[in-house]
Amino acid sequence: MKSNFTQALKELTGFDGEPEESSVAFSEVMDTEFEEPVFKPEVYTFKDYSEKIADDCTRLSSTMVIEGEVKSDDHVFLNGQLIGNIKTSSDMNISNVVVGNVSAQNIILKDGRIKGDVTLEGDLFVGENSVIVGDINCQNLEVSGKVKGNCQVEDSAKFAKTAYMICDITAGTITSQQGAKIIGTITTTSNDPNAEAEFDFGGEF
């Protein structure tokens, strides 16, 4: 039998103080699995070698200062300072200073500086806050930062609007965004067997 208080509450509000069958318990709401927001990674036009998992790698921490030559067969993460040449048969990520020649398969230079020649079997990415003073020889080149030196690129060279180049550039194909500064000569090496035919006046001259 309900108390007088419960009966009065029902008459005033229409609610008798007991949950209806369709009501959802608070504990059930708390146990509901809410869908986590999906964060899409930033899309790069250039392969980000730093994202790949490397069990065997050489890491130079940001507190290290090395004078001398470094050789490795592993993926190299260079966050410290190096005065000397560095060479690996794998990829390399550089985010500090190298005073010396650099050789690798592929390199990402992010917030880094190199004073020396860069020789690669594959690709080179120069980030917006990065600087290279030296000659570059690679398969593909993508620059958002600054380069002073001659560039020999086997396939494609791409320059973002923030790129500042003081060099002579030779590449298979060259793409440049409006705003990029290039001081020097630009030469493309793509061979077109029909090039002469485009300038043929049909024997008129």
C-alpha atoms as a PDB file:
ATOM      1  CA  MET A   1       0.000   0.000   0.000  1.00  0.00           C
ATOM      2  CA  LYS A   2       1.467   3.370  -1.022  1.00  0.00           C
ATOM      3  CA  SER A   3       2.048   6.107   1.527  1.00  0.00           C
ATOM      4  CA  ASN A   4       0.009   9.293   1.613  1.00  0.00           C
ATOM      5  CA  PHE A   5       3.123  11.196   0.364  1.00  0.00           C
ATOM      6  CA  THR A   6       3.432   8.974  -2.713  1.00  0.00           C
ATOM      7  CA  GLN A   7      -0.251   9.302  -3.431  1.00  0.00           C
ATOM      8  CA  ALA A   8      -0.091  13.114  -3.167  1.00  0.00           C
ATOM      9  CA  LEU A   9       2.979  13.177  -5.435  1.00  0.00           C
ATOM     10  CA  LYS A  10       1.119  11.177  -8.050  1.00  0.00           C
ATOM     11  CA  GLU A  11      -1.862  13.496  -7.942  1.00  0.00           C
ATOM     12  CA  LEU A  12       0.335  16.602  -8.349  1.00  0.00           C
ATOM     13  CA  THR A  13       2.785  15.379 -10.990  1.00  0.00           C
ATOM     14  CA  GLY A  14       1.291  12.272 -12.445  1.00  0.00           C
ATOM     15  CA  PHE A  15       4.438  10.416 -11.355  1.00  0.00           C
ATOM     16  CA  ASP A  16       4.104   7.791  -8.654  1.00  0.00           C
ATOM     17  CA  GLY A  17       7.835   7.590  -7.843  1.00  0.00           C
ATOM     18  CA  GLU A  18       8.351   4.204  -9.482  1.00  0.00           C
ATOM     19  CA  PRO A  19      10.132   3.808 -12.858  1.00  0.00           C
ATOM     20  CA  GLU A  20       8.035   2.765 -15.800  1.00  0.00           C
ATOM     21  CA  GLU A  21       8.887  -0.400 -17.677  1.00  0.00           C
ATOM     22  CA  SER A  22      10.227   1.608 -20.607  1.00  0.00           C
ATOM     23  CA  SER A  23      12.599   3.649 -18.417  1.00  0.00           C
ATOM     24  CA  VAL A  24      16.344   3.098 -18.910  1.00  0.00           C
ATOM     25  CA  ALA A  25      18.418   2.595 -15.788  1.00  0.00           C
ATOM     26  CA  PHE A  26      21.306   5.043 -15.226  1.00  0.00           C
ATOM     27  CA  SER A  27      23.741   2.154 -14.932  1.00  0.00           C
ATOM     28  CA  GLU A  28      22.705   0.960 -18.396  1.00  0.00           C
ATOM     29  CA  VAL A  29      23.456   4.394 -19.856  1.00  0.00           C
ATOM     30  CA  MET A  30      26.897   4.448 -18.238  1.00  0.00           C
ATOM     31  CA  ASP A  31      27.657   0.992 -19.630  1.00  0.00           C
ATOM     32  CA  THR A  32      26.863   2.088 -23.188  1.00  0.00           C
ATOM     33  CA  GLU A  33      29.917   1.996 -25.461  1.00  0.00           C
ATOM     34  CA  PHE A  34      30.269   5.386 -27.123  1.00  0.00           C
ATOM     35  CA  GLU A  35      31.987   5.498 -30.508  1.00  0.00           C
ATOM     36  CA  GLU A  36      35.418   7.076 -30.304  1.00  0.00           C
ATOM     37  CA  PRO A  37      36.062  10.026 -32.655  1.00  0.00           C
ATOM     38  CA  VAL A  38      38.122   9.118 -35.681  1.00  0.00           C
ATOM     39  CA  PHE A  39      41.255  11.182 -36.220  1.00  0.00           C
ATOM     40  CA  LYS A  40      42.569  10.894 -39.737  1.00  0.00           C
ATOM     41  CA  PRO A  41      46.345  11.187 -40.082  1.00  0.00           C
ATOM     42  CA  GLU A  42      47.778  14.078 -42.052  1.00  0.00           C
ATOM     43  CA  VAL A  43      48.225  13.177 -45.681  1.00  0.00           C
ATOM     44  CA  TYR A  44      51.722  13.680 -47.054  1.00  0.00           C
ATOM     45  CA  THR A  45      52.580  13.846 -50.716  1.00  0.00           C
ATOM     46  CA  PHE A  46      55.871  12.219 -49.840  1.00  0.00           C
ATOM     47  CA  LYS A  47      56.281   8.868 -48.126  1.00  0.00           C
ATOM     48  CA  ASP A  48      57.001   9.428 -44.453  1.00  0.00           C
ATOM     49  CA  TYR A  49      59.722   6.920 -43.696  1.00  0.00           C
ATOM     50  CA  SER A  50      59.673   7.885 -40.021  1.00  0.00           C
ATOM     51  CA  GLU A  51      56.337   6.123 -39.569  1.00  0.00           C
ATOM     52  CA  LYS A  52      57.605   2.697 -40.486  1.00  0.00           C
ATOM     53  CA  ILE A  53      58.432   0.341 -37.642  1.00  0.00           C
ATOM     54  CA  ALA A  54      62.124  -0.446 -37.486  1.00  0.00           C
ATOM     55  CA  ASP A  55      63.193  -3.090 -34.992  1.00  0.00           C
ATOM     56  CA  ASP A  56      66.816  -2.673 -36.013  1.00  0.00           C
ATOM     57  CA  CYS A  57      67.706   1.000 -35.971  1.00  0.00           C
ATOM     58  CA  THR A  58      70.429   3.393 -34.903  1.00  0.00           C
ATOM     59  CA  ARG A  59      69.257   6.292 -32.724  1.00  0.00           C
ATOM     60  CA  LEU A  60      71.292   9.371 -31.848  1.00  0.00           C
ATOM     61  CA  SER A  61      69.466  11.268 -29.125  1.00  0.00           C
ATOM     62  CA  SER A  62      69.072  15.049 -29.023  1.00  0.00           C
ATOM     63  CA  THR A  63      71.672  15.354 -26.242  1.00  0.00           C
ATOM     64  CA  MET A  64      74.417  13.603 -28.213  1.00  0.00           C
ATOM     65  CA  VAL A  65      77.260  15.454 -29.960  1.00  0.00           C
ATOM     66  CA  ILE A  66      79.450  13.183 -32.087  1.00  0.00           C
ATOM     67  CA  GLU A  67      82.709  14.034 -33.815  1.00  0.00           C
ATOM     68  CA  GLY A  68      83.772  11.408 -36.317  1.00  0.00           C
ATOM     69  CA  GLU A  69      82.425   9.142 -39.038  1.00  0.00           C
ATOM     70  CA  VAL A  70      79.235   7.114 -38.544  1.00  0.00           C
ATOM     71  CA  LYS A  71      78.413   3.973 -40.558  1.00  0.00           C
ATOM     72  CA  SER A  72      75.347   1.775 -40.212  1.00  0.00           C
ATOM     73  CA  ASP A  73      73.238  -0.772 -42.068  1.00  0.00           C
ATOM     74  CA  ASP A  74      70.151   0.162 -40.034  1.00  0.00           C
ATOM     75  CA  HIS A  75      67.515   2.863 -40.246  1.00  0.00           C
ATOM     76  CA  VAL A  76      69.130   5.929 -38.640  1.00  0.00           C
ATOM     77  CA  PHE A  77      67.257   8.459 -36.493  1.00  0.00           C
ATOM     78  CA  LEU A  78      69.631  11.383 -36.006  1.00  0.00           C
ATOM     79  CA  ASN A  79      68.289  13.801 -33.418  1.00  0.00           C
ATOM     80  CA  GLY A  80      71.687  14.875 -32.115  1.00  0.00           C
ATOM     81  CA  GLN A  81      74.583  16.808 -33.647  1.00  0.00           C
ATOM     82  CA  LEU A  82      77.171  15.167 -35.884  1.00  0.00           C
ATOM     83  CA  ILE A  83      80.458  16.639 -37.073  1.00  0.00           C
ATOM     84  CA  GLY A  84      81.600  14.131 -39.649  1.00  0.00           C
ATOM     85  CA  ASN A  85      80.286  11.987 -42.480  1.00  0.00           C
ATOM     86  CA  ILE A  86      77.364   9.589 -41.977  1.00  0.00           C
ATOM     87  CA  LYS A  87      76.409   6.648 -44.186  1.00  0.00           C
ATOM     88  CA  THR A  88      73.765   3.926 -44.053  1.00  0.00           C
ATOM     89  CA  SER A  89      72.449   1.415 -46.572  1.00  0.00           C
ATOM     90  CA  SER A  90      68.951   2.009 -45.151  1.00  0.00           C
ATOM     91  CA  ASP A  91      66.794   5.124 -44.599  1.00  0.00           C
ATOM     92  CA  MET A  92      67.582   8.155 -42.430  1.00  0.00           C
ATOM     93  CA  ASN A  93      65.630  10.749 -40.466  1.00  0.00           C
ATOM     94  CA  ILE A  94      67.510  13.920 -39.506  1.00  0.00           C
ATOM     95  CA  SER A  95      66.154  16.573 -37.149  1.00  0.00           C
ATOM     96  CA  ASN A  96      69.330  18.315 -36.015  1.00  0.00           C
ATOM     97  CA  VAL A  97      72.711  19.348 -37.447  1.00  0.00           C
ATOM     98  CA  VAL A  98      75.140  17.420 -39.642  1.00  0.00           C
ATOM     99  CA  VAL A  99      78.418  18.994 -40.734  1.00  0.00           C
ATOM    100  CA  GLY A 100      79.640  16.407 -43.214  1.00  0.00           C
ATOM    101  CA  ASN A 101      78.562  14.341 -46.191  1.00  0.00           C
ATOM    102  CA  VAL A 102      75.422  12.208 -45.916  1.00  0.00           C
ATOM    103  CA  SER A 103      74.663   8.980 -47.786  1.00  0.00           C
ATOM    104  CA  ALA A 104      71.569   6.762 -47.449  1.00  0.00           C
ATOM    105  CA  GLN A 105      68.730   5.069 -49.282  1.00  0.00           C
ATOM    106  CA  ASN A 106      66.080   7.707 -48.499  1.00  0.00           C
ATOM    107  CA  ILE A 107      66.199  10.752 -46.216  1.00  0.00           C
ATOM    108  CA  ILE A 108      63.626  12.902 -44.458  1.00  0.00           C
ATOM    109  CA  LEU A 109      65.135  16.162 -43.208  1.00  0.00           C
ATOM    110  CA  LYS A 110      62.668  17.625 -40.731  1.00  0.00           C
ATOM    111  CA  ASP A 111      63.777  20.677 -38.744  1.00  0.00           C
ATOM    112  CA  GLY A 112      67.347  19.748 -39.630  1.00  0.00           C
ATOM    113  CA  ARG A 113      70.423  21.268 -41.250  1.00  0.00           C
ATOM    114  CA  ILE A 114      73.126  19.686 -43.378  1.00  0.00           C
ATOM    115  CA  LYS A 115      76.363  21.331 -44.466  1.00  0.00           C
ATOM    116  CA  GLY A 116      77.772  18.803 -46.884  1.00  0.00           C
ATOM    117  CA  ASP A 117      76.879  16.753 -49.944  1.00  0.00           C
ATOM    118  CA  VAL A 118      73.833  14.456 -49.901  1.00  0.00           C
ATOM    119  CA  THR A 119      73.957  11.280 -52.015  1.00  0.00           C
ATOM    120  CA  LEU A 120      70.961   8.948 -52.103  1.00  0.00           C
ATOM    121  CA  GLU A 121      69.832   5.848 -53.963  1.00  0.00           C
ATOM    122  CA  GLY A 122      66.229   6.950 -53.473  1.00  0.00           C
ATOM    123  CA  ASP A 123      64.309  10.034 -52.346  1.00  0.00           C
ATOM    124  CA  LEU A 124      64.998  13.191 -50.357  1.00  0.00           C
ATOM    125  CA  PHE A 125      62.430  15.300 -48.519  1.00  0.00           C
ATOM    126  CA  VAL A 126      63.537  18.706 -47.182  1.00  0.00           C
ATOM    127  CA  GLY A 127      61.057  20.082 -44.639  1.00  0.00           C
ATOM    128  CA  GLU A 128      60.002  23.710 -44.403  1.00  0.00           C
ATOM    129  CA  ASN A 129      62.319  24.511 -41.479  1.00  0.00           C
ATOM    130  CA  SER A 130      65.292  22.624 -42.924  1.00  0.00           C
ATOM    131  CA  VAL A 131      68.431  23.796 -44.751  1.00  0.00           C
ATOM    132  CA  ILE A 132      70.985  22.035 -46.962  1.00  0.00           C
ATOM    133  CA  VAL A 133      74.220  23.702 -48.055  1.00  0.00           C
ATOM    134  CA  GLY A 134      75.831  21.239 -50.444  1.00  0.00           C
ATOM    135  CA  ASP A 135      75.275  19.277 -53.639  1.00  0.00           C
ATOM    136  CA  ILE A 136      72.381  16.805 -53.893  1.00  0.00           C
ATOM    137  CA  ASN A 137      72.199  13.622 -55.938  1.00  0.00           C
ATOM    138  CA  CYS A 138      69.020  11.538 -55.620  1.00  0.00           C
ATOM    139  CA  GLN A 139      66.161   9.744 -57.397  1.00  0.00           C
ATOM    140  CA  ASN A 140      63.344  12.102 -56.394  1.00  0.00           C
ATOM    141  CA  LEU A 141      63.488  15.429 -54.572  1.00  0.00           C
ATOM    142  CA  GLU A 142      60.808  17.336 -52.678  1.00  0.00           C
ATOM    143  CA  VAL A 143      61.725  20.664 -51.074  1.00  0.00           C
ATOM    144  CA  SER A 144      59.746  22.888 -48.743  1.00  0.00           C
ATOM    145  CA  GLY A 145      62.835  24.430 -47.101  1.00  0.00           C
ATOM    146  CA  LYS A 146      66.120  25.928 -48.323  1.00  0.00           C
ATOM    147  CA  VAL A 147      68.862  24.457 -50.508  1.00  0.00           C
ATOM    148  CA  LYS A 148      72.111  26.025 -51.666  1.00  0.00           C
ATOM    149  CA  GLY A 149      74.066  23.765 -54.007  1.00  0.00           C
ATOM    150  CA  ASN A 150      73.678  21.909 -57.289  1.00  0.00           C
ATOM    151  CA  CYS A 151      70.904  19.304 -57.564  1.00  0.00           C
ATOM    152  CA  GLN A 152      71.109  16.244 -59.806  1.00  0.00           C
ATOM    153  CA  VAL A 153      67.743  14.460 -59.718  1.00  0.00           C
ATOM    154  CA  GLU A 154      67.106  11.295 -61.698  1.00  0.00           C
ATOM    155  CA  ASP A 155      63.318  11.506 -61.877  1.00  0.00           C
ATOM    156  CA  SER A 156      61.120  14.247 -60.392  1.00  0.00           C
ATOM    157  CA  ALA A 157      61.881  17.436 -58.459  1.00  0.00           C
ATOM    158  CA  LYS A 158      59.038  19.202 -56.622  1.00  0.00           C
ATOM    159  CA  PHE A 159      59.280  22.603 -54.956  1.00  0.00           C
ATOM    160  CA  ALA A 160      56.656  23.909 -52.543  1.00  0.00           C
ATOM    161  CA  LYS A 161      55.751  27.587 -52.303  1.00  0.00           C
ATOM    162  CA  THR A 162      58.048  27.910 -49.262  1.00  0.00           C
ATOM    163  CA  ALA A 163      61.097  26.519 -51.105  1.00  0.00           C
ATOM    164  CA  TYR A 164      64.175  28.740 -51.503  1.00  0.00           C
ATOM    165  CA  MET A 165      66.737  27.337 -53.943  1.00  0.00           C
ATOM    166  CA  ILE A 166      70.086  28.843 -54.893  1.00  0.00           C
ATOM    167  CA  CYS A 167      71.401  26.215 -57.266  1.00  0.00           C
ATOM    168  CA  ASP A 168      71.511  24.696 -60.704  1.00  0.00           C
ATOM    169  CA  ILE A 169      68.882  21.955 -61.001  1.00  0.00           C
ATOM    170  CA  THR A 170      68.812  19.039 -63.406  1.00  0.00           C
ATOM    171  CA  ALA A 171      65.858  16.642 -63.223  1.00  0.00           C
ATOM    172  CA  GLY A 172      63.649  14.438 -65.370  1.00  0.00           C
ATOM    173  CA  THR A 173      60.611  16.559 -64.542  1.00  0.00           C
ATOM    174  CA  ILE A 174      60.266  19.701 -62.413  1.00  0.00           C
ATOM    175  CA  THR A 175      57.164  20.969 -60.638  1.00  0.00           C
ATOM    176  CA  SER A 176      57.091  24.238 -58.702  1.00  0.00           C
ATOM    177  CA  GLN A 177      54.314  25.942 -56.756  1.00  0.00           C
ATOM    178  CA  GLN A 178      53.754  29.657 -57.159  1.00  0.00           C
ATOM    179  CA  GLY A 179      55.889  31.484 -54.630  1.00  0.00           C
ATOM    180  CA  ALA A 180      58.911  29.177 -54.737  1.00  0.00           C
ATOM    181  CA  LYS A 181      62.197  31.066 -55.161  1.00  0.00           C
ATOM    182  CA  ILE A 182      64.727  29.484 -57.506  1.00  0.00           C
ATOM    183  CA  ILE A 183      67.963  31.281 -58.354  1.00  0.00           C
ATOM    184  CA  GLY A 184      69.988  29.350 -60.927  1.00  0.00           C
ATOM    185  CA  THR A 185      69.507  27.294 -64.079  1.00  0.00           C
ATOM    186  CA  ILE A 186      66.818  24.642 -64.520  1.00  0.00           C
ATOM    187  CA  THR A 187      67.287  21.750 -66.951  1.00  0.00           C
ATOM    188  CA  THR A 188      64.906  18.874 -67.652  1.00  0.00           C
ATOM    189  CA  THR A 189      66.299  15.645 -69.042  1.00  0.00           C
ATOM    190  CA  SER A 190      63.111  13.982 -70.257  1.00  0.00           C
ATOM    191  CA  ASN A 191      63.780  12.637 -73.734  1.00  0.00           C
ATOM    192  CA  ASP A 192      61.070  13.192 -76.344  1.00  0.00           C
ATOM    193  CA  PRO A 193      61.839  11.340 -79.594  1.00  0.00           C
ATOM    194  CA  ASN A 194      59.263  13.493 -81.400  1.00  0.00           C
ATOM    195  CA  ALA A 195      60.666  16.814 -80.190  1.00  0.00           C
ATOM    196  CA  GLU A 196      62.162  17.805 -83.554  1.00  0.00           C
ATOM    197  CA  ALA A 197      58.889  17.039 -85.337  1.00  0.00           C
ATOM    198  CA  GLU A 198      57.136  19.653 -83.230  1.00  0.00           C
ATOM    199  CA  PHE A 199      59.326  22.321 -84.835  1.00  0.00           C
ATOM    200  CA  ASP A 200      59.183  20.989 -88.385  1.00  0.00           C
ATOM    201  CA  PHE A 201      57.678  23.504 -90.873  1.00  0.00           C
ATOM    202  CA  GLY A 202      57.191  20.819 -93.523  1.00  0.00           C
ATOM    203  CA  GLY A 203      60.253  21.818 -95.559  1.00  0.00           C
ATOM    204  CA  GLU A 204      59.148  25.431 -95.953  1.00  0.00           C
ATOM    205  CA  PHE A 205      62.448  26.683 -94.521  1.00  0.00           C
END
